Amino acid sequence: MVKKIKIVAPELLNDIVKRMASELQLPKDAIETVMENMGKVRQGALDGISREVGKALNRVDFGRITTDILENYTLKVNAEIRLEPKKKAKKKRGTA
């Protein structure tokens, strides 16, 4: 099961809340309280996401995956390497 999470850029969200608060003509202390609580909620969400990602990574057996790849697959690399001279300005003869 894949969980999709959309995270709005904090600056954009702050701007939206400030604009809405000014349109509603809320007192400055109310706006500050809302902004402070938004920060706490955002941090809590990020902490929760971090924990879930950590749990998911702990369940992955990277050793088994690496072993499977090395035993069952062939690595084929096609590469091209060129050494080309740099373009230099023509030197005038007779100058030191």
Protein backbone atom coordinates (compact mmCIF):
# COMPACT_ATOMS: atom_id res chain seq x y z
CA MET A 1 0.00 0.00 0.00
CA VAL A 2 1.38 3.39 -1.00
CA LYS A 3 0.57 6.42 1.09
CA LYS A 4 0.62 9.76 -0.69
CA ILE A 5 1.39 12.84 1.35
CA LYS A 6 1.34 16.36 -0.02
CA ILE A 7 3.42 18.85 1.94
CA VAL A 8 2.86 22.53 1.23
CA ALA A 9 5.91 24.75 1.40
CA PRO A 10 5.94 26.35 4.86
CA GLU A 11 6.46 29.86 3.51
CA LEU A 12 3.46 29.52 1.20
CA LEU A 13 1.27 28.20 3.99
CA ASN A 14 2.36 31.01 6.32
CA ASP A 15 1.54 33.60 3.66
CA ILE A 16 -1.90 32.10 3.09
CA VAL A 17 -2.72 32.07 6.82
CA LYS A 18 -1.49 35.66 7.29
CA ARG A 19 -3.54 36.84 4.32
CA MET A 20 -6.67 35.09 5.60
CA ALA A 21 -6.13 36.47 9.10
CA SER A 22 -5.77 40.02 7.81
CA GLU A 23 -8.91 39.64 5.69
CA LEU A 24 -10.78 38.45 8.77
CA GLN A 25 -9.23 41.32 10.74
CA LEU A 26 -8.04 39.07 13.55
CA PRO A 27 -6.00 40.57 16.40
CA LYS A 28 -2.22 40.29 16.06
CA ASP A 29 -1.90 38.00 19.10
CA ALA A 30 -4.45 35.61 17.58
CA ILE A 31 -2.45 35.48 14.35
CA GLU A 32 0.76 34.81 16.29
CA THR A 33 -0.94 31.99 18.22
CA VAL A 34 -2.18 30.41 14.99
CA MET A 35 1.28 30.67 13.40
CA GLU A 36 2.92 29.14 16.48
CA ASN A 37 0.45 26.24 16.49
CA MET A 38 0.98 25.69 12.77
CA GLY A 39 4.70 25.35 13.40
CA LYS A 40 4.06 22.74 16.09
CA VAL A 41 1.67 20.80 13.85
CA ARG A 42 4.12 20.92 10.95
CA GLN A 43 6.96 19.70 13.17
CA GLY A 44 4.77 16.91 14.54
CA ALA A 45 3.88 15.82 11.00
CA LEU A 46 7.54 15.81 9.95
CA ASP A 47 8.48 13.81 13.05
CA GLY A 48 5.76 11.26 12.25
CA ILE A 49 6.88 10.98 8.63
CA SER A 50 10.49 10.54 9.75
CA ARG A 51 9.51 7.72 12.10
CA GLU A 52 7.51 5.93 9.38
CA VAL A 53 10.32 6.24 6.83
CA GLY A 54 12.76 4.93 9.43
CA LYS A 55 10.53 1.94 10.17
CA ALA A 56 10.20 1.18 6.47
CA LEU A 57 13.97 1.35 5.93
CA ASN A 58 14.59 -0.91 8.94
CA ARG A 59 12.42 -3.60 7.33
CA VAL A 60 14.48 -3.58 4.12
CA ASP A 61 17.19 -6.25 4.02
CA PHE A 62 19.80 -4.47 1.92
CA GLY A 63 22.27 -7.36 2.33
CA ARG A 64 19.79 -9.82 0.82
CA ILE A 65 18.95 -7.44 -2.02
CA THR A 66 22.63 -6.83 -2.79
CA THR A 67 23.38 -10.56 -2.71
CA ASP A 68 20.43 -11.27 -5.01
CA ILE A 69 21.58 -8.64 -7.50
CA LEU A 70 25.20 -9.84 -7.51
CA GLU A 71 24.23 -13.51 -7.86
CA ASN A 72 21.45 -13.17 -10.43
CA TYR A 73 22.37 -10.20 -12.60
CA THR A 74 25.24 -9.15 -14.81
CA LEU A 75 26.41 -5.57 -14.71
CA LYS A 76 26.92 -4.18 -18.18
CA VAL A 77 28.41 -0.70 -18.57
CA ASN A 78 28.76 1.17 -21.84
CA ALA A 79 30.94 4.22 -21.47
CA GLU A 80 32.72 6.67 -23.68
CA ILE A 81 35.60 8.74 -22.43
CA ARG A 82 37.18 11.46 -24.55
CA LEU A 83 40.12 13.67 -23.87
CA GLU A 84 39.85 16.71 -26.06
CA PRO A 85 42.32 19.56 -26.08
CA LYS A 86 41.14 22.82 -24.63
CA LYS A 87 40.68 25.69 -27.03
CA LYS A 88 43.46 28.17 -26.36
CA ALA A 89 43.92 31.69 -27.60
CA LYS A 90 46.58 31.89 -30.29
CA LYS A 91 49.87 33.21 -28.91
CA LYS A 92 51.59 36.03 -30.73
CA ARG A 93 55.12 35.19 -31.77
CA GLY A 94 57.95 37.35 -30.64
CA THR A 95 56.45 38.32 -27.28
CA ALA A 96 57.98 37.21 -24.05
